[in-house]
N, C-alpha and C. Protein backbone atom coordinates (compact mmCIF):
# COMPACT_ATOMS: atom_id res chain seq x y z
N MET A 1 -24.98 -17.94 39.15
CA MET A 1 -26.19 -17.81 38.52
C MET A 1 -26.19 -18.63 37.20
N ARG A 2 -27.28 -19.58 37.15
CA ARG A 2 -27.25 -20.21 35.92
C ARG A 2 -28.33 -19.89 34.96
N PHE A 3 -28.15 -19.83 33.78
CA PHE A 3 -29.15 -19.45 32.60
C PHE A 3 -29.98 -20.81 32.22
N SER A 4 -31.15 -20.63 31.99
CA SER A 4 -31.86 -21.64 31.56
C SER A 4 -31.57 -21.78 30.12
N LYS A 5 -31.93 -22.97 29.56
CA LYS A 5 -31.61 -23.27 28.17
C LYS A 5 -32.45 -22.28 27.16
N SER A 6 -33.72 -22.06 27.47
CA SER A 6 -34.52 -21.09 26.76
C SER A 6 -33.86 -19.65 26.98
N ARG A 7 -33.39 -19.35 28.05
CA ARG A 7 -32.84 -17.88 28.11
C ARG A 7 -31.60 -17.74 27.40
N VAL A 8 -30.74 -18.71 27.16
CA VAL A 8 -29.48 -18.78 26.41
C VAL A 8 -30.00 -18.70 24.79
N ILE A 9 -30.99 -19.46 24.43
CA ILE A 9 -31.49 -19.39 23.29
C ILE A 9 -31.95 -17.87 22.69
N LYS A 10 -32.75 -17.36 23.59
CA LYS A 10 -33.26 -16.02 23.47
C LYS A 10 -32.12 -14.94 23.33
N ILE A 11 -31.05 -15.13 24.09
CA ILE A 11 -30.01 -14.12 23.91
C ILE A 11 -29.22 -14.39 22.93
N ALA A 12 -28.87 -15.60 22.28
CA ALA A 12 -28.21 -16.02 21.13
C ALA A 12 -29.19 -15.25 19.97
N VAL A 13 -30.44 -15.75 20.00
CA VAL A 13 -31.21 -15.17 18.78
C VAL A 13 -31.15 -13.56 18.64
N MET A 14 -31.28 -13.00 19.92
CA MET A 14 -31.24 -11.44 19.99
C MET A 14 -29.80 -11.03 19.49
N LEU A 15 -28.80 -11.61 19.68
CA LEU A 15 -27.50 -11.27 19.15
C LEU A 15 -27.31 -11.44 17.88
N VAL A 16 -27.85 -12.59 17.14
CA VAL A 16 -27.88 -12.81 15.89
C VAL A 16 -28.65 -11.64 15.08
N PHE A 17 -29.80 -11.43 15.68
CA PHE A 17 -30.70 -10.24 15.15
C PHE A 17 -29.86 -9.01 15.18
N LEU A 18 -29.25 -8.86 16.27
CA LEU A 18 -28.60 -7.52 16.45
C LEU A 18 -27.39 -7.31 15.50
N CYS A 19 -26.65 -8.53 15.30
CA CYS A 19 -25.51 -8.39 14.14
C CYS A 19 -25.98 -8.30 12.86
N CYS A 20 -27.15 -8.97 12.54
CA CYS A 20 -27.72 -8.72 11.21
C CYS A 20 -28.16 -7.41 10.96
N VAL A 21 -28.81 -6.73 11.89
CA VAL A 21 -29.25 -5.28 11.85
C VAL A 21 -28.11 -4.33 11.47
N LEU A 22 -26.88 -4.60 12.31
CA LEU A 22 -25.87 -3.68 12.24
C LEU A 22 -25.18 -3.91 10.90
N PHE A 23 -25.11 -5.22 10.48
CA PHE A 23 -24.40 -5.40 9.15
C PHE A 23 -25.11 -4.83 7.99
N ALA A 24 -26.46 -5.26 7.99
CA ALA A 24 -27.45 -4.88 6.79
C ALA A 24 -27.49 -3.30 6.73
N ASN A 25 -27.55 -2.59 7.92
CA ASN A 25 -27.92 -1.21 7.87
C ASN A 25 -26.59 -0.25 7.87
N PHE A 26 -25.70 -0.66 8.48
CA PHE A 26 -24.51 0.13 8.52
C PHE A 26 -23.17 -0.28 7.85
N ILE A 27 -22.82 -1.61 8.07
CA ILE A 27 -21.49 -2.05 7.58
C ILE A 27 -21.61 -2.27 6.06
N ALA A 28 -22.66 -2.96 5.75
CA ALA A 28 -22.72 -3.26 4.29
C ALA A 28 -22.98 -2.09 3.43
N VAL A 29 -23.71 -1.18 4.03
CA VAL A 29 -23.93 -0.01 3.10
C VAL A 29 -22.66 0.83 3.03
N ARG A 30 -21.87 0.81 4.11
CA ARG A 30 -20.51 1.57 3.74
C ARG A 30 -19.59 0.92 2.97
N MET A 31 -19.58 -0.38 2.87
CA MET A 31 -18.64 -1.14 2.10
C MET A 31 -19.24 -1.05 0.64
N MET A 32 -20.49 -1.04 0.46
CA MET A 32 -21.00 -1.06 -0.90
C MET A 32 -20.76 0.32 -1.31
N LEU A 33 -20.80 1.46 -0.64
CA LEU A 33 -20.40 2.66 -1.15
C LEU A 33 -18.99 2.68 -1.42
N HIS A 34 -17.98 2.31 -0.69
CA HIS A 34 -16.61 2.26 -0.84
C HIS A 34 -16.40 1.46 -2.17
N TYR A 35 -16.87 0.33 -2.50
CA TYR A 35 -16.64 -0.50 -3.71
C TYR A 35 -17.33 0.13 -4.79
N GLY A 36 -18.46 0.94 -4.75
CA GLY A 36 -19.18 1.39 -5.65
C GLY A 36 -18.29 2.53 -6.20
N VAL A 37 -17.83 3.21 -5.36
CA VAL A 37 -16.87 4.44 -5.86
C VAL A 37 -15.77 3.91 -6.60
N GLU A 38 -15.01 2.77 -6.08
CA GLU A 38 -13.94 2.25 -6.77
C GLU A 38 -14.41 1.68 -8.10
N ALA A 39 -15.40 0.92 -8.24
CA ALA A 39 -16.02 0.30 -9.53
C ALA A 39 -16.34 1.52 -10.55
N TYR A 40 -16.78 2.62 -10.07
CA TYR A 40 -17.29 3.79 -10.85
C TYR A 40 -15.93 4.28 -11.50
N PHE A 41 -14.96 4.57 -10.54
CA PHE A 41 -13.77 5.21 -10.76
C PHE A 41 -12.83 4.42 -11.85
N TYR A 42 -12.58 3.29 -11.67
CA TYR A 42 -11.91 2.42 -12.59
C TYR A 42 -12.60 2.18 -13.93
N ASP A 43 -13.87 2.06 -13.85
CA ASP A 43 -14.67 1.89 -15.08
C ASP A 43 -14.82 3.30 -16.00
N LYS A 44 -14.75 4.37 -15.17
CA LYS A 44 -14.57 5.57 -15.83
C LYS A 44 -13.28 5.84 -16.60
N LEU A 45 -12.17 5.26 -15.95
CA LEU A 45 -10.91 5.28 -16.52
C LEU A 45 -10.82 4.38 -17.57
N LEU A 46 -11.48 3.13 -17.45
CA LEU A 46 -11.35 2.26 -18.55
C LEU A 46 -11.97 2.70 -19.87
N VAL A 47 -13.09 3.38 -19.67
CA VAL A 47 -13.88 4.06 -20.79
C VAL A 47 -12.76 5.12 -21.43
N ALA A 48 -12.31 5.85 -20.63
CA ALA A 48 -11.33 6.96 -21.17
C ALA A 48 -10.02 6.42 -21.81
N TYR A 49 -9.67 5.19 -21.40
CA TYR A 49 -8.51 4.52 -22.08
C TYR A 49 -8.98 3.84 -23.33
N THR A 50 -10.15 3.31 -23.35
CA THR A 50 -10.65 2.62 -24.55
C THR A 50 -11.02 3.68 -25.67
N ILE A 51 -11.48 4.73 -25.28
CA ILE A 51 -11.73 5.72 -26.33
C ILE A 51 -10.45 6.56 -26.77
N GLY A 52 -9.77 7.00 -25.73
CA GLY A 52 -8.67 8.03 -26.09
C GLY A 52 -7.35 7.25 -25.88
N GLY A 53 -7.29 6.14 -25.53
CA GLY A 53 -5.84 5.55 -25.30
C GLY A 53 -5.13 6.11 -24.08
N ALA A 54 -3.83 6.21 -24.09
CA ALA A 54 -3.23 6.57 -22.94
C ALA A 54 -3.40 8.25 -22.77
N LYS A 55 -3.40 8.70 -23.81
CA LYS A 55 -3.53 10.20 -23.68
C LYS A 55 -5.04 10.52 -23.17
N GLY A 56 -6.04 9.99 -23.53
CA GLY A 56 -7.33 9.99 -23.01
C GLY A 56 -7.36 9.67 -21.57
N LEU A 57 -6.77 8.59 -20.95
CA LEU A 57 -6.60 8.28 -19.68
C LEU A 57 -6.06 9.24 -18.70
N LYS A 58 -4.85 9.87 -19.35
CA LYS A 58 -4.14 10.93 -18.50
C LYS A 58 -4.90 12.06 -18.48
N MET A 59 -5.84 12.43 -19.52
CA MET A 59 -6.61 13.65 -19.36
C MET A 59 -7.71 13.49 -18.51
N GLU A 60 -8.21 12.29 -18.40
CA GLU A 60 -9.27 12.02 -17.48
C GLU A 60 -8.83 12.06 -16.06
N LEU A 61 -7.55 11.61 -15.85
CA LEU A 61 -6.97 11.55 -14.54
C LEU A 61 -6.85 12.99 -14.00
N GLU A 62 -6.31 13.97 -15.14
CA GLU A 62 -6.03 15.38 -14.64
C GLU A 62 -7.36 16.03 -14.25
N MET A 63 -8.58 15.66 -14.92
CA MET A 63 -9.87 16.25 -14.70
C MET A 63 -10.45 15.86 -13.37
N ILE A 64 -10.04 14.69 -12.84
CA ILE A 64 -10.75 14.42 -11.54
C ILE A 64 -10.51 15.24 -10.37
N PRO A 65 -9.17 15.70 -10.03
CA PRO A 65 -9.18 16.60 -8.96
C PRO A 65 -9.81 17.92 -9.16
N LEU A 66 -9.91 18.36 -10.43
CA LEU A 66 -10.59 19.61 -10.73
C LEU A 66 -11.98 19.53 -10.35
N SER A 67 -12.65 18.37 -10.77
CA SER A 67 -14.12 18.37 -10.35
C SER A 67 -14.34 18.16 -8.88
N ASP A 68 -13.52 17.60 -8.24
CA ASP A 68 -13.46 17.51 -6.62
C ASP A 68 -14.88 16.91 -6.14
N LYS A 69 -15.54 16.06 -6.76
CA LYS A 69 -16.79 15.59 -6.32
C LYS A 69 -16.67 14.70 -5.17
N SER A 70 -15.77 13.94 -5.15
CA SER A 70 -15.62 12.80 -4.13
C SER A 70 -14.18 12.84 -3.53
N PRO A 71 -14.13 12.93 -2.31
CA PRO A 71 -12.67 12.94 -1.70
C PRO A 71 -12.19 11.46 -1.97
N ALA A 72 -12.84 10.36 -1.93
CA ALA A 72 -12.28 9.12 -2.23
C ALA A 72 -11.87 8.88 -3.59
N GLU A 73 -12.68 9.51 -4.56
CA GLU A 73 -12.26 9.45 -6.03
C GLU A 73 -10.88 10.11 -6.20
N SER A 74 -10.76 11.22 -5.42
CA SER A 74 -9.52 12.03 -5.69
C SER A 74 -8.35 11.21 -5.13
N MET A 75 -8.61 10.44 -3.92
CA MET A 75 -7.39 9.65 -3.37
C MET A 75 -7.25 8.57 -4.20
N LEU A 76 -8.16 7.87 -4.85
CA LEU A 76 -7.98 6.85 -5.88
C LEU A 76 -7.26 7.17 -7.11
N ALA A 77 -7.45 8.60 -7.63
CA ALA A 77 -6.70 9.09 -8.62
C ALA A 77 -5.19 9.32 -8.33
N ARG A 78 -5.04 9.84 -7.04
CA ARG A 78 -3.62 10.12 -6.68
C ARG A 78 -2.87 8.67 -6.71
N ASP A 79 -3.51 7.78 -6.11
CA ASP A 79 -2.87 6.30 -6.01
C ASP A 79 -2.57 5.85 -7.51
N PHE A 80 -3.70 5.89 -8.29
CA PHE A 80 -3.52 5.31 -9.69
C PHE A 80 -2.44 6.11 -10.45
N THR A 81 -2.42 7.41 -10.33
CA THR A 81 -1.40 8.14 -10.98
C THR A 81 -0.03 7.71 -10.66
N ALA A 82 0.20 7.41 -9.52
CA ALA A 82 1.52 6.81 -8.95
C ALA A 82 1.79 5.52 -9.58
N LYS A 83 0.84 4.70 -9.84
CA LYS A 83 0.93 3.30 -10.33
C LYS A 83 1.03 3.46 -11.81
N LEU A 84 0.45 4.35 -12.45
CA LEU A 84 0.36 4.39 -13.97
C LEU A 84 1.72 4.22 -14.71
N ALA A 85 2.91 4.97 -14.02
CA ALA A 85 4.23 4.86 -14.81
C ALA A 85 4.62 3.36 -14.63
N ALA A 86 4.44 2.58 -13.86
CA ALA A 86 4.90 1.10 -13.57
C ALA A 86 4.08 0.21 -14.38
N LEU A 87 2.83 0.66 -14.83
CA LEU A 87 1.97 -0.38 -15.56
C LEU A 87 2.31 -0.61 -17.08
N THR A 88 2.49 -1.78 -17.26
CA THR A 88 2.81 -2.18 -18.85
C THR A 88 1.52 -2.29 -19.57
N ASP A 89 0.40 -2.76 -19.13
CA ASP A 89 -0.84 -2.79 -19.70
C ASP A 89 -1.95 -2.27 -18.85
N PRO A 90 -2.17 -0.91 -18.97
CA PRO A 90 -3.25 -0.31 -18.18
C PRO A 90 -4.72 -0.83 -18.29
N GLU A 91 -4.85 -1.06 -19.62
CA GLU A 91 -6.39 -1.83 -20.09
C GLU A 91 -6.53 -3.00 -19.12
N ALA A 92 -5.64 -3.92 -18.98
CA ALA A 92 -5.79 -5.15 -18.37
C ALA A 92 -5.93 -4.87 -16.90
N PHE A 93 -5.15 -4.09 -16.34
CA PHE A 93 -5.28 -3.58 -15.01
C PHE A 93 -6.53 -3.00 -14.55
N LEU A 94 -7.13 -2.18 -15.46
CA LEU A 94 -8.28 -1.45 -15.23
C LEU A 94 -9.43 -2.41 -15.30
N LYS A 95 -9.46 -3.38 -16.27
CA LYS A 95 -10.50 -4.36 -16.41
C LYS A 95 -10.52 -5.25 -15.22
N ASP A 96 -9.39 -5.60 -14.73
CA ASP A 96 -9.27 -6.58 -13.60
C ASP A 96 -9.79 -5.75 -12.23
N LYS A 97 -9.42 -4.50 -12.30
CA LYS A 97 -9.95 -3.69 -11.11
C LYS A 97 -11.45 -3.59 -11.13
N VAL A 98 -12.11 -3.30 -12.07
CA VAL A 98 -13.53 -3.15 -12.41
C VAL A 98 -14.20 -4.48 -12.12
N LYS A 99 -13.71 -5.55 -12.63
CA LYS A 99 -14.20 -6.77 -12.41
C LYS A 99 -14.19 -7.21 -10.93
N GLN A 100 -13.09 -6.92 -10.15
CA GLN A 100 -12.88 -7.12 -8.81
C GLN A 100 -13.78 -6.51 -8.03
N ALA A 101 -13.92 -5.19 -8.30
CA ALA A 101 -14.84 -4.17 -7.62
C ALA A 101 -16.32 -4.54 -7.77
N LYS A 102 -16.69 -4.95 -8.85
CA LYS A 102 -18.12 -5.44 -9.21
C LYS A 102 -18.37 -6.74 -8.47
N LYS A 103 -17.41 -7.52 -8.40
CA LYS A 103 -17.62 -8.87 -7.83
C LYS A 103 -17.78 -8.79 -6.35
N THR A 104 -16.80 -8.03 -5.75
CA THR A 104 -16.93 -7.72 -4.23
C THR A 104 -18.34 -7.06 -4.04
N LEU A 105 -18.62 -6.07 -4.72
CA LEU A 105 -19.97 -5.31 -4.46
C LEU A 105 -21.09 -6.39 -4.56
N ASN A 106 -21.24 -7.10 -5.52
CA ASN A 106 -22.33 -8.06 -5.63
C ASN A 106 -22.33 -9.11 -4.39
N PHE A 107 -21.05 -9.51 -4.01
CA PHE A 107 -20.78 -10.31 -2.88
C PHE A 107 -21.40 -9.67 -1.65
N ILE A 108 -21.13 -8.46 -1.49
CA ILE A 108 -21.48 -7.75 -0.12
C ILE A 108 -23.24 -7.49 -0.15
N ARG A 109 -23.56 -7.28 -1.49
CA ARG A 109 -25.13 -7.11 -1.58
C ARG A 109 -25.75 -8.14 -1.16
N ASN A 110 -25.25 -9.48 -1.82
CA ASN A 110 -25.85 -10.78 -1.46
C ASN A 110 -25.85 -11.07 -0.03
N LEU A 111 -24.73 -10.68 0.75
CA LEU A 111 -24.67 -10.97 2.25
C LEU A 111 -25.64 -10.13 2.87
N ARG A 112 -25.83 -8.74 2.52
CA ARG A 112 -26.75 -7.82 3.02
C ARG A 112 -28.17 -8.44 2.72
N SER A 113 -28.46 -9.14 1.71
CA SER A 113 -29.79 -9.57 1.39
C SER A 113 -30.09 -10.78 2.34
N ALA A 114 -29.04 -11.68 2.49
CA ALA A 114 -29.19 -12.84 3.35
C ALA A 114 -29.35 -12.44 4.70
N ALA A 115 -28.66 -11.30 5.34
CA ALA A 115 -28.97 -10.85 6.61
C ALA A 115 -30.39 -10.19 6.73
N ILE A 116 -30.89 -9.57 5.78
CA ILE A 116 -32.27 -9.15 5.86
C ILE A 116 -33.28 -10.30 5.83
N VAL A 117 -32.89 -11.36 4.98
CA VAL A 117 -33.82 -12.35 5.18
C VAL A 117 -33.88 -13.14 6.41
N LEU A 118 -32.49 -13.26 7.05
CA LEU A 118 -32.51 -13.84 8.36
C LEU A 118 -33.21 -13.11 9.47
N MET A 119 -33.10 -11.74 9.27
CA MET A 119 -33.94 -10.87 10.24
C MET A 119 -35.49 -11.07 10.08
N LEU A 120 -35.77 -11.13 8.78
CA LEU A 120 -37.33 -11.45 8.66
C LEU A 120 -37.71 -12.86 9.21
N ILE A 121 -36.82 -13.82 9.04
CA ILE A 121 -37.23 -15.21 9.72
C ILE A 121 -37.26 -15.08 11.15
N ILE A 122 -36.18 -14.41 11.72
CA ILE A 122 -36.24 -14.31 13.03
C ILE A 122 -37.47 -13.62 13.67
N PHE A 123 -37.75 -12.48 12.98
CA PHE A 123 -38.96 -11.58 13.41
C PHE A 123 -40.27 -12.41 13.23
N GLY A 124 -40.44 -13.19 12.00
CA GLY A 124 -41.58 -13.94 11.73
C GLY A 124 -41.65 -15.13 12.89
N TRP A 125 -40.59 -15.63 13.32
CA TRP A 125 -40.60 -16.79 14.22
C TRP A 125 -40.99 -16.25 15.56
N GLN A 126 -40.49 -15.11 15.98
CA GLN A 126 -40.94 -14.47 17.34
C GLN A 126 -42.18 -14.11 17.24
N VAL A 127 -42.85 -13.55 16.22
CA VAL A 127 -44.35 -13.21 16.14
C VAL A 127 -45.06 -14.42 16.11
N LEU A 128 -44.93 -15.46 15.36
CA LEU A 128 -45.42 -16.76 15.43
C LEU A 128 -45.46 -17.41 16.82
N LYS A 129 -44.34 -17.42 17.36
CA LYS A 129 -44.24 -17.86 18.69
C LYS A 129 -45.08 -17.08 19.77
N LYS A 130 -45.00 -15.88 19.69
CA LYS A 130 -45.98 -15.01 20.51
C LYS A 130 -47.46 -15.25 20.30
N TYR A 131 -47.82 -15.42 19.03
CA TYR A 131 -49.18 -15.74 18.59
C TYR A 131 -49.58 -16.98 19.09
N LEU A 132 -48.74 -18.08 19.03
CA LEU A 132 -49.21 -19.25 19.38
C LEU A 132 -49.38 -19.48 20.93
N ASN A 133 -48.35 -18.62 21.69
CA ASN A 133 -48.46 -18.61 23.13
C ASN A 133 -49.77 -18.02 23.67
N ILE A 134 -50.31 -16.99 22.74
CA ILE A 134 -51.54 -16.25 23.35
C ILE A 134 -52.58 -17.37 23.33
N TRP A 135 -52.89 -18.19 22.34
CA TRP A 135 -53.90 -19.12 22.19
C TRP A 135 -53.82 -20.40 23.03
N LYS A 136 -52.70 -20.48 23.88
CA LYS A 136 -52.69 -21.62 24.69
C LYS A 136 -53.48 -21.54 26.05
C-alpha cells in the first residue's frame, strides 16, 4: 500500500500539530513549574543570605520543612543543606542557580510560545485551504 504525496504531507502536518499541542499544554507547563519552583527557592535563599548572611540562610533553610508548602521545595532544601557545608561562596552559588533557572525558564517559555504560534499557523493554513477548496 503506497501513500500519496498529499497523504504523507497531511500526516506530517498532523504529527507536528500533535507534538506542538502536547509540548505547549503538558510538557512545557510541567517544566516551567519545576524551574519556577527552583528559581523561587534559590532566590528566596539568596535574599536570606543577602539580608542575614550565613545565619539568615540557615534560619531560612530550617523554616522550609516547617512550612511544608511544596514537596519539591522540601526536596531542594534537603539537597542544598547537604551541599551547604562544602560551599566556599554560597552567594555566588545561589546567584548562579537563580540565573540558570531563570534562563532555562525563559527558554522553555519561548519554546512554548513558538509551539503555539506554529499551531496557529497550521490551523490557519488548514482553514484557509478548506475555505479556498469550497470556492472552487
